[in-house]
Amino acid sequence: MNPAKLIEKAKHSRFYLWLLNTALSRMIPFNLPHGFEITSISDAGIKTRLPYKRKNLNHVRGLHACALATLSEFTTGFLLISRLGMDRYRLILQKLEIDFHYQGKMDGVAEFLVDEQWLDQKIVKPLQTSDSVVVPCQVKIFDTQGNHLTTATAYWQLKDWKKVKTKA
């Protein structure tokens, strides 16, 4: 199935959301051990979950800093590329800044929201006059009891595939 169609169906169906998560775990093998899960996706936003399980824990049995950072990267990047089109734009993480506020002792939940105006002002219009653009995307992770675990800013470089230089 076409990834864009799968994402669109996942917005309205628990079955297709499960199917999307299953496909992503195979398409992004690095994330497989973490067990990331998209719990909801819409045009306006995405919610993802980092399970509290052994492979995501540090030496003091809290959610590992790198697992939280990777969830931040995944959450922001996936929503951007699903909204803008993976066939139209190349997306590369330029920088990731993260502040840790509270030690995670249960599942972590990230949420990232964007609107059409933000996408248009920060990405679409600037790419009409520039080869690439870097956009900061802030995402917060909370545990299931509402404790604020992290605030991360992922800086994504976006470029139209037509302007990407390829080796000859």
N, C-alpha and C. Protein backbone atom coordinates (compact mmCIF):
# COMPACT_ATOMS: atom_id res chain seq x y z
N MET A 1 0.85 -1.19 0.00
CA MET A 1 0.00 0.00 0.00
C MET A 1 0.89 1.25 0.00
N ASN A 2 0.47 2.24 -0.69
CA ASN A 2 1.14 3.54 -0.74
C ASN A 2 1.23 4.12 0.67
N PRO A 3 2.44 4.56 1.11
CA PRO A 3 2.58 5.11 2.48
C PRO A 3 1.64 6.28 2.77
N ALA A 4 1.45 7.17 1.82
CA ALA A 4 0.56 8.32 2.04
C ALA A 4 -0.88 7.87 2.27
N LYS A 5 -1.31 6.86 1.52
CA LYS A 5 -2.68 6.34 1.70
C LYS A 5 -2.82 5.63 3.05
N LEU A 6 -1.77 4.91 3.46
CA LEU A 6 -1.79 4.23 4.75
C LEU A 6 -1.89 5.25 5.89
N ILE A 7 -1.12 6.32 5.80
CA ILE A 7 -1.17 7.37 6.82
C ILE A 7 -2.56 8.00 6.87
N GLU A 8 -3.12 8.28 5.70
CA GLU A 8 -4.45 8.89 5.64
C GLU A 8 -5.50 7.98 6.28
N LYS A 9 -5.43 6.68 5.99
CA LYS A 9 -6.39 5.73 6.58
C LYS A 9 -6.17 5.58 8.08
N ALA A 10 -4.91 5.69 8.52
CA ALA A 10 -4.59 5.54 9.95
C ALA A 10 -5.17 6.69 10.78
N LYS A 11 -5.48 7.80 10.14
CA LYS A 11 -6.07 8.93 10.85
C LYS A 11 -7.48 8.62 11.35
N HIS A 12 -8.13 7.63 10.72
CA HIS A 12 -9.53 7.35 11.03
C HIS A 12 -9.81 5.91 11.43
N SER A 13 -8.79 5.06 11.46
CA SER A 13 -9.01 3.64 11.71
C SER A 13 -7.94 3.07 12.63
N ARG A 14 -8.38 2.40 13.69
CA ARG A 14 -7.43 1.77 14.61
C ARG A 14 -6.66 0.65 13.92
N PHE A 15 -7.34 -0.06 13.01
CA PHE A 15 -6.67 -1.14 12.28
C PHE A 15 -5.53 -0.57 11.42
N TYR A 16 -5.81 0.49 10.68
CA TYR A 16 -4.77 1.07 9.82
C TYR A 16 -3.69 1.76 10.64
N LEU A 17 -4.03 2.25 11.83
CA LEU A 17 -3.01 2.80 12.71
C LEU A 17 -2.07 1.68 13.18
N TRP A 18 -2.64 0.55 13.53
CA TRP A 18 -1.83 -0.63 13.89
C TRP A 18 -0.96 -1.05 12.70
N LEU A 19 -1.55 -1.08 11.52
CA LEU A 19 -0.81 -1.45 10.31
C LEU A 19 0.33 -0.47 10.04
N LEU A 20 0.07 0.82 10.23
CA LEU A 20 1.10 1.84 10.06
C LEU A 20 2.25 1.61 11.05
N ASN A 21 1.93 1.38 12.30
CA ASN A 21 2.96 1.12 13.30
C ASN A 21 3.77 -0.13 12.97
N THR A 22 3.11 -1.16 12.49
CA THR A 22 3.81 -2.39 12.11
C THR A 22 4.74 -2.13 10.93
N ALA A 23 4.26 -1.40 9.95
CA ALA A 23 5.09 -1.08 8.78
C ALA A 23 6.29 -0.22 9.19
N LEU A 24 6.07 0.77 10.05
CA LEU A 24 7.16 1.65 10.47
C LEU A 24 8.23 0.89 11.25
N SER A 25 7.83 -0.09 12.03
CA SER A 25 8.82 -0.85 12.78
C SER A 25 9.72 -1.66 11.85
N ARG A 26 9.24 -1.96 10.68
CA ARG A 26 10.07 -2.68 9.69
C ARG A 26 10.82 -1.72 8.79
N MET A 27 10.23 -0.56 8.50
CA MET A 27 10.87 0.42 7.62
C MET A 27 12.00 1.16 8.33
N ILE A 28 11.90 1.31 9.65
CA ILE A 28 12.90 2.02 10.44
C ILE A 28 13.44 1.05 11.49
N PRO A 29 14.32 0.13 11.08
CA PRO A 29 14.76 -0.91 12.00
C PRO A 29 15.46 -0.39 13.26
N PHE A 30 16.08 0.78 13.19
CA PHE A 30 16.73 1.35 14.37
C PHE A 30 15.73 1.56 15.50
N ASN A 31 14.50 1.92 15.17
CA ASN A 31 13.48 2.20 16.18
C ASN A 31 12.78 0.95 16.71
N LEU A 32 12.94 -0.17 16.06
CA LEU A 32 12.22 -1.39 16.43
C LEU A 32 12.40 -1.79 17.89
N PRO A 33 13.63 -1.83 18.42
CA PRO A 33 13.77 -2.24 19.83
C PRO A 33 13.07 -1.32 20.82
N HIS A 34 12.91 -0.05 20.46
CA HIS A 34 12.27 0.90 21.37
C HIS A 34 10.77 0.66 21.49
N GLY A 35 10.16 0.16 20.44
CA GLY A 35 8.72 -0.08 20.47
C GLY A 35 7.89 1.18 20.39
N PHE A 36 8.42 2.20 19.70
CA PHE A 36 7.65 3.43 19.52
C PHE A 36 6.29 3.09 18.92
N GLU A 37 5.29 3.84 19.32
CA GLU A 37 3.95 3.63 18.78
C GLU A 37 3.29 4.98 18.52
N ILE A 38 2.77 5.13 17.32
CA ILE A 38 1.93 6.30 17.03
C ILE A 38 0.57 5.96 17.62
N THR A 39 0.11 6.76 18.57
CA THR A 39 -1.18 6.48 19.19
C THR A 39 -2.31 7.24 18.52
N SER A 40 -1.97 8.37 17.87
CA SER A 40 -2.95 9.08 17.06
C SER A 40 -2.21 9.98 16.08
N ILE A 41 -2.83 10.17 14.93
CA ILE A 41 -2.28 11.05 13.91
C ILE A 41 -3.43 11.74 13.20
N SER A 42 -3.24 13.03 12.93
CA SER A 42 -4.24 13.81 12.20
C SER A 42 -3.48 14.82 11.36
N ASP A 43 -4.22 15.64 10.62
CA ASP A 43 -3.57 16.70 9.85
C ASP A 43 -2.90 17.70 10.77
N ALA A 44 -3.43 17.88 11.96
CA ALA A 44 -2.93 18.90 12.88
C ALA A 44 -1.84 18.40 13.82
N GLY A 45 -1.72 17.10 14.01
CA GLY A 45 -0.73 16.65 14.98
C GLY A 45 -0.56 15.15 15.06
N ILE A 46 0.37 14.77 15.93
CA ILE A 46 0.70 13.37 16.14
C ILE A 46 1.00 13.16 17.62
N LYS A 47 0.59 12.02 18.13
CA LYS A 47 0.94 11.58 19.48
C LYS A 47 1.66 10.25 19.34
N THR A 48 2.79 10.14 20.04
CA THR A 48 3.56 8.91 20.01
C THR A 48 3.85 8.47 21.44
N ARG A 49 4.15 7.18 21.59
CA ARG A 49 4.38 6.62 22.92
C ARG A 49 5.70 5.87 22.95
N LEU A 50 6.46 6.09 24.02
CA LEU A 50 7.67 5.35 24.32
C LEU A 50 7.35 4.45 25.50
N PRO A 51 7.30 3.13 25.28
CA PRO A 51 6.94 2.25 26.39
C PRO A 51 8.02 2.16 27.46
N TYR A 52 7.58 2.06 28.69
CA TYR A 52 8.48 1.84 29.81
C TYR A 52 8.78 0.34 29.83
N LYS A 53 9.89 0.00 29.19
CA LYS A 53 10.32 -1.40 29.14
C LYS A 53 11.84 -1.46 29.21
N ARG A 54 12.37 -2.61 29.48
CA ARG A 54 13.79 -2.79 29.75
C ARG A 54 14.71 -2.15 28.71
N LYS A 55 14.42 -2.33 27.44
CA LYS A 55 15.31 -1.80 26.40
C LYS A 55 15.32 -0.27 26.33
N ASN A 56 14.38 0.39 26.99
CA ASN A 56 14.32 1.84 26.98
C ASN A 56 14.79 2.47 28.29
N LEU A 57 15.36 1.65 29.18
CA LEU A 57 15.72 2.13 30.50
C LEU A 57 17.22 2.38 30.63
N ASN A 58 17.56 3.31 31.51
CA ASN A 58 18.96 3.57 31.82
C ASN A 58 19.37 2.76 33.06
N HIS A 59 20.52 3.07 33.60
CA HIS A 59 21.06 2.31 34.72
C HIS A 59 20.30 2.50 36.03
N VAL A 60 19.47 3.53 36.14
CA VAL A 60 18.66 3.74 37.34
C VAL A 60 17.18 3.45 37.08
N ARG A 61 16.92 2.71 36.02
CA ARG A 61 15.59 2.24 35.64
C ARG A 61 14.61 3.38 35.30
N GLY A 62 15.16 4.46 34.75
CA GLY A 62 14.34 5.55 34.23
C GLY A 62 14.41 5.48 32.71
N LEU A 63 13.50 6.15 32.03
CA LEU A 63 13.56 6.19 30.57
C LEU A 63 14.89 6.80 30.14
N HIS A 64 15.57 6.13 29.24
CA HIS A 64 16.90 6.54 28.80
C HIS A 64 16.82 7.84 27.99
N ALA A 65 17.80 8.72 28.22
CA ALA A 65 17.85 10.01 27.54
C ALA A 65 17.84 9.85 26.02
N CYS A 66 18.58 8.87 25.53
CA CYS A 66 18.65 8.68 24.07
C CYS A 66 17.33 8.17 23.50
N ALA A 67 16.60 7.35 24.24
CA ALA A 67 15.29 6.89 23.78
C ALA A 67 14.31 8.07 23.71
N LEU A 68 14.37 8.94 24.72
CA LEU A 68 13.51 10.13 24.72
C LEU A 68 13.86 11.07 23.57
N ALA A 69 15.16 11.24 23.32
CA ALA A 69 15.59 12.10 22.21
C ALA A 69 15.15 11.52 20.86
N THR A 70 15.29 10.21 20.72
CA THR A 70 14.90 9.57 19.46
C THR A 70 13.40 9.67 19.24
N LEU A 71 12.62 9.55 20.31
CA LEU A 71 11.17 9.72 20.18
C LEU A 71 10.83 11.14 19.72
N SER A 72 11.56 12.14 20.23
CA SER A 72 11.34 13.53 19.81
C SER A 72 11.64 13.70 18.33
N GLU A 73 12.75 13.12 17.90
CA GLU A 73 13.12 13.19 16.48
C GLU A 73 12.07 12.51 15.61
N PHE A 74 11.70 11.30 15.99
CA PHE A 74 10.72 10.53 15.22
C PHE A 74 9.38 11.27 15.12
N THR A 75 8.91 11.78 16.24
CA THR A 75 7.59 12.42 16.29
C THR A 75 7.52 13.64 15.38
N THR A 76 8.50 14.52 15.48
CA THR A 76 8.48 15.73 14.67
C THR A 76 8.72 15.42 13.19
N GLY A 77 9.71 14.58 12.93
CA GLY A 77 10.06 14.26 11.54
C GLY A 77 8.94 13.54 10.82
N PHE A 78 8.29 12.60 11.51
CA PHE A 78 7.23 11.84 10.85
C PHE A 78 6.04 12.72 10.50
N LEU A 79 5.67 13.62 11.42
CA LEU A 79 4.53 14.49 11.09
C LEU A 79 4.87 15.42 9.93
N LEU A 80 6.08 16.00 9.95
CA LEU A 80 6.46 16.89 8.86
C LEU A 80 6.41 16.19 7.51
N ILE A 81 7.05 15.03 7.43
CA ILE A 81 7.14 14.34 6.14
C ILE A 81 5.77 13.79 5.71
N SER A 82 4.94 13.42 6.67
CA SER A 82 3.61 12.93 6.29
C SER A 82 2.72 14.07 5.80
N ARG A 83 2.91 15.27 6.35
CA ARG A 83 2.12 16.42 5.90
C ARG A 83 2.63 16.99 4.58
N LEU A 84 3.95 17.00 4.40
CA LEU A 84 4.53 17.66 3.23
C LEU A 84 4.73 16.73 2.04
N GLY A 85 4.87 15.46 2.29
CA GLY A 85 5.06 14.48 1.22
C GLY A 85 6.49 14.02 1.09
N MET A 86 6.72 12.75 1.35
CA MET A 86 8.08 12.20 1.28
C MET A 86 8.61 12.14 -0.14
N ASP A 87 7.70 12.18 -1.11
CA ASP A 87 8.12 12.17 -2.51
C ASP A 87 8.47 13.57 -3.00
N ARG A 88 8.12 14.59 -2.24
CA ARG A 88 8.38 15.97 -2.67
C ARG A 88 9.56 16.61 -1.93
N TYR A 89 9.72 16.29 -0.64
CA TYR A 89 10.75 16.93 0.17
C TYR A 89 11.70 15.93 0.80
N ARG A 90 12.97 16.33 0.88
CA ARG A 90 13.97 15.57 1.63
C ARG A 90 14.08 16.22 3.00
N LEU A 91 14.13 15.40 4.01
CA LEU A 91 14.16 15.86 5.39
C LEU A 91 15.40 15.30 6.07
N ILE A 92 16.23 16.18 6.64
CA ILE A 92 17.44 15.76 7.34
C ILE A 92 17.49 16.48 8.68
N LEU A 93 17.75 15.72 9.74
CA LEU A 93 17.90 16.33 11.05
C LEU A 93 19.22 17.09 11.10
N GLN A 94 19.15 18.39 11.37
CA GLN A 94 20.36 19.21 11.45
C GLN A 94 20.89 19.27 12.88
N LYS A 95 19.98 19.43 13.83
CA LYS A 95 20.40 19.59 15.23
C LYS A 95 19.23 19.18 16.12
N LEU A 96 19.56 18.66 17.29
CA LEU A 96 18.53 18.31 18.27
C LEU A 96 18.96 18.83 19.63
N GLU A 97 18.12 19.67 20.21
CA GLU A 97 18.37 20.21 21.55
C GLU A 97 17.30 19.65 22.47
N ILE A 98 17.71 19.23 23.66
CA ILE A 98 16.73 18.65 24.57
C ILE A 98 17.03 19.04 26.00
N ASP A 99 15.98 19.40 26.71
CA ASP A 99 16.07 19.68 28.14
C ASP A 99 15.30 18.59 28.87
N PHE A 100 15.93 18.05 29.90
CA PHE A 100 15.32 16.99 30.70
C PHE A 100 14.81 17.60 32.00
N HIS A 101 13.54 17.35 32.30
CA HIS A 101 12.90 17.98 33.45
C HIS A 101 12.61 17.00 34.59
N TYR A 102 12.30 15.77 34.24
CA TYR A 102 11.80 14.82 35.25
C TYR A 102 12.17 13.42 34.79
N GLN A 103 12.51 12.55 35.74
CA GLN A 103 12.91 11.19 35.38
C GLN A 103 11.67 10.34 35.06
N GLY A 104 11.67 9.72 33.87
CA GLY A 104 10.55 8.91 33.43
C GLY A 104 10.55 7.53 34.06
N LYS A 105 9.50 7.23 34.80
CA LYS A 105 9.35 5.93 35.45
C LYS A 105 8.10 5.19 34.96
N MET A 106 7.59 5.64 33.82
CA MET A 106 6.44 5.00 33.17
C MET A 106 6.46 5.44 31.71
N ASP A 107 5.52 4.98 30.91
CA ASP A 107 5.48 5.33 29.48
C ASP A 107 5.61 6.84 29.28
N GLY A 108 6.30 7.22 28.21
CA GLY A 108 6.40 8.61 27.82
C GLY A 108 5.54 8.87 26.60
N VAL A 109 4.89 10.02 26.55
CA VAL A 109 4.01 10.37 25.43
C VAL A 109 4.44 11.72 24.87
N ALA A 110 4.73 11.74 23.58
CA ALA A 110 5.12 12.96 22.88
C ALA A 110 3.96 13.44 22.02
N GLU A 111 3.84 14.75 21.91
CA GLU A 111 2.82 15.32 21.03
C GLU A 111 3.44 16.49 20.28
N PHE A 112 3.19 16.52 18.97
CA PHE A 112 3.68 17.61 18.13
C PHE A 112 2.53 18.08 17.26
N LEU A 113 2.30 19.38 17.25
CA LEU A 113 1.19 19.98 16.51
C LEU A 113 1.71 20.99 15.50
N VAL A 114 1.12 21.02 14.33
CA VAL A 114 1.40 22.03 13.32
C VAL A 114 0.09 22.43 12.66
N ASP A 115 0.07 23.61 12.08
CA ASP A 115 -1.11 24.00 11.30
C ASP A 115 -0.67 24.39 9.90
N GLU A 116 -1.62 24.52 9.04
CA GLU A 116 -1.36 24.83 7.63
C GLU A 116 -0.61 26.14 7.47
N GLN A 117 -0.97 27.14 8.26
CA GLN A 117 -0.31 28.45 8.18
C GLN A 117 1.17 28.34 8.53
N TRP A 118 1.51 27.59 9.59
CA TRP A 118 2.90 27.40 10.00
C TRP A 118 3.69 26.71 8.89
N LEU A 119 3.13 25.64 8.33
CA LEU A 119 3.80 24.92 7.24
C LEU A 119 4.05 25.84 6.05
N ASP A 120 3.05 26.64 5.73
CA ASP A 120 3.17 27.54 4.58
C ASP A 120 4.21 28.64 4.84
N GLN A 121 4.17 29.25 6.01
CA GLN A 121 5.09 30.36 6.32
C GLN A 121 6.52 29.90 6.55
N LYS A 122 6.70 28.76 7.20
CA LYS A 122 8.04 28.30 7.58
C LYS A 122 8.72 27.42 6.54
N ILE A 123 7.92 26.76 5.68
CA ILE A 123 8.52 25.79 4.75
C ILE A 123 8.18 26.08 3.29
N VAL A 124 6.92 26.06 2.95
CA VAL A 124 6.51 26.14 1.55
C VAL A 124 6.94 27.45 0.89
N LYS A 125 6.59 28.59 1.48
CA LYS A 125 6.96 29.88 0.89
C LYS A 125 8.47 30.11 0.86
N PRO A 126 9.20 29.84 1.95
CA PRO A 126 10.66 30.04 1.89
C PRO A 126 11.35 29.15 0.84
N LEU A 127 10.82 27.97 0.59
CA LEU A 127 11.44 27.09 -0.40
C LEU A 127 11.17 27.54 -1.84
N GLN A 128 10.31 28.51 -2.01
CA GLN A 128 10.10 29.07 -3.35
C GLN A 128 11.26 29.96 -3.77
N THR A 129 11.99 30.49 -2.78
CA THR A 129 13.10 31.39 -3.08
C THR A 129 14.44 30.90 -2.57
N SER A 130 14.45 29.76 -1.89
CA SER A 130 15.68 29.23 -1.31
C SER A 130 15.78 27.74 -1.61
N ASP A 131 17.01 27.24 -1.71
CA ASP A 131 17.21 25.81 -1.98
C ASP A 131 16.80 24.93 -0.81
N SER A 132 17.02 25.43 0.41
CA SER A 132 16.67 24.65 1.59
C SER A 132 16.22 25.58 2.70
N VAL A 133 15.59 25.02 3.70
CA VAL A 133 15.12 25.76 4.86
C VAL A 133 15.32 24.88 6.09
N VAL A 134 15.63 25.53 7.21
CA VAL A 134 15.75 24.81 8.48
C VAL A 134 14.61 25.30 9.38
N VAL A 135 13.83 24.35 9.90
CA VAL A 135 12.71 24.71 10.76
C VAL A 135 12.86 24.06 12.13
N PRO A 136 12.68 24.86 13.18
CA PRO A 136 12.71 24.30 14.53
C PRO A 136 11.33 23.75 14.90
N CYS A 137 11.32 22.54 15.42
CA CYS A 137 10.07 21.90 15.81
C CYS A 137 10.15 21.50 17.28
N GLN A 138 9.35 22.13 18.10
CA GLN A 138 9.38 21.83 19.54
C GLN A 138 8.38 20.74 19.89
N VAL A 139 8.84 19.79 20.66
CA VAL A 139 7.98 18.69 21.11
C VAL A 139 8.23 18.47 22.60
N LYS A 140 7.16 18.21 23.32
CA LYS A 140 7.26 17.93 24.75
C LYS A 140 6.84 16.49 25.00
N ILE A 141 7.53 15.87 25.95
CA ILE A 141 7.18 14.50 26.34
C ILE A 141 6.75 14.53 27.80
N PHE A 142 5.61 13.90 28.06
CA PHE A 142 5.06 13.78 29.40
C PHE A 142 4.91 12.30 29.72
N ASP A 143 4.93 11.94 31.01
CA ASP A 143 4.63 10.55 31.35
C ASP A 143 3.11 10.41 31.44
N THR A 144 2.65 9.20 31.70
CA THR A 144 1.20 8.95 31.69
C THR A 144 0.47 9.61 32.86
N GLN A 145 1.24 10.10 33.85
CA GLN A 145 0.62 10.83 34.96
C GLN A 145 0.70 12.35 34.76
N GLY A 146 1.25 12.78 33.62
CA GLY A 146 1.30 14.20 33.32
C GLY A 146 2.57 14.91 33.74
N ASN A 147 3.56 14.18 34.25
CA ASN A 147 4.83 14.80 34.60
C ASN A 147 5.59 15.16 33.33
N HIS A 148 6.11 16.37 33.29
CA HIS A 148 6.81 16.87 32.10
C HIS A 148 8.23 16.31 32.09
N LEU A 149 8.51 15.38 31.18
CA LEU A 149 9.81 14.72 31.13
C LEU A 149 10.84 15.53 30.36
N THR A 150 10.49 15.95 29.15
CA THR A 150 11.46 16.65 28.30
C THR A 150 10.79 17.72 27.45
N THR A 151 11.61 18.66 27.02
CA THR A 151 11.24 19.60 25.97
C THR A 151 12.38 19.53 24.96
N ALA A 152 12.06 19.19 23.74
CA ALA A 152 13.09 19.06 22.70
C ALA A 152 12.75 19.97 21.53
N THR A 153 13.80 20.45 20.88
CA THR A 153 13.65 21.18 19.63
C THR A 153 14.48 20.47 18.58
N ALA A 154 13.80 19.94 17.59
CA ALA A 154 14.47 19.28 16.46
C ALA A 154 14.52 20.30 15.33
N TYR A 155 15.72 20.53 14.81
CA TYR A 155 15.91 21.44 13.69
C TYR A 155 16.01 20.60 12.42
N TRP A 156 14.99 20.68 11.59
CA TRP A 156 14.93 19.88 10.36
C TRP A 156 15.29 20.73 9.16
N GLN A 157 16.20 20.23 8.33
CA GLN A 157 16.49 20.86 7.06
C GLN A 157 15.61 20.20 6.01
N LEU A 158 14.85 21.02 5.30
CA LEU A 158 13.99 20.52 4.23
C LEU A 158 14.47 21.08 2.91
N LYS A 159 14.38 20.24 1.90
CA LYS A 159 14.81 20.63 0.56
C LYS A 159 13.91 19.91 -0.43
N ASP A 160 13.54 20.62 -1.46
CA ASP A 160 12.77 20.02 -2.54
C ASP A 160 13.66 18.98 -3.23
N TRP A 161 13.13 17.78 -3.47
CA TRP A 161 13.92 16.72 -4.10
C TRP A 161 14.48 17.17 -5.45
N LYS A 162 13.80 18.09 -6.12
CA LYS A 162 14.27 18.57 -7.43
C LYS A 162 15.58 19.35 -7.29
N LYS A 163 15.86 19.85 -6.09
CA LYS A 163 17.07 20.64 -5.89
C LYS A 163 18.18 19.86 -5.19
N VAL A 164 17.94 18.58 -4.96
CA VAL A 164 18.95 17.74 -4.31
C VAL A 164 19.94 17.28 -5.37
N LYS A 165 21.22 17.53 -5.12
CA LYS A 165 22.25 17.11 -6.07
C LYS A 165 22.50 15.63 -5.91
N THR A 166 22.54 14.93 -7.01
CA THR A 166 22.82 13.49 -6.98
C THR A 166 24.13 13.22 -7.71
N LYS A 167 24.79 12.18 -7.29
CA LYS A 167 26.05 11.81 -7.95
C LYS A 167 25.74 11.26 -9.34
N ALA A 168 26.59 11.61 -10.26
CA ALA A 168 26.40 11.15 -11.66
C ALA A 168 27.05 9.81 -11.88
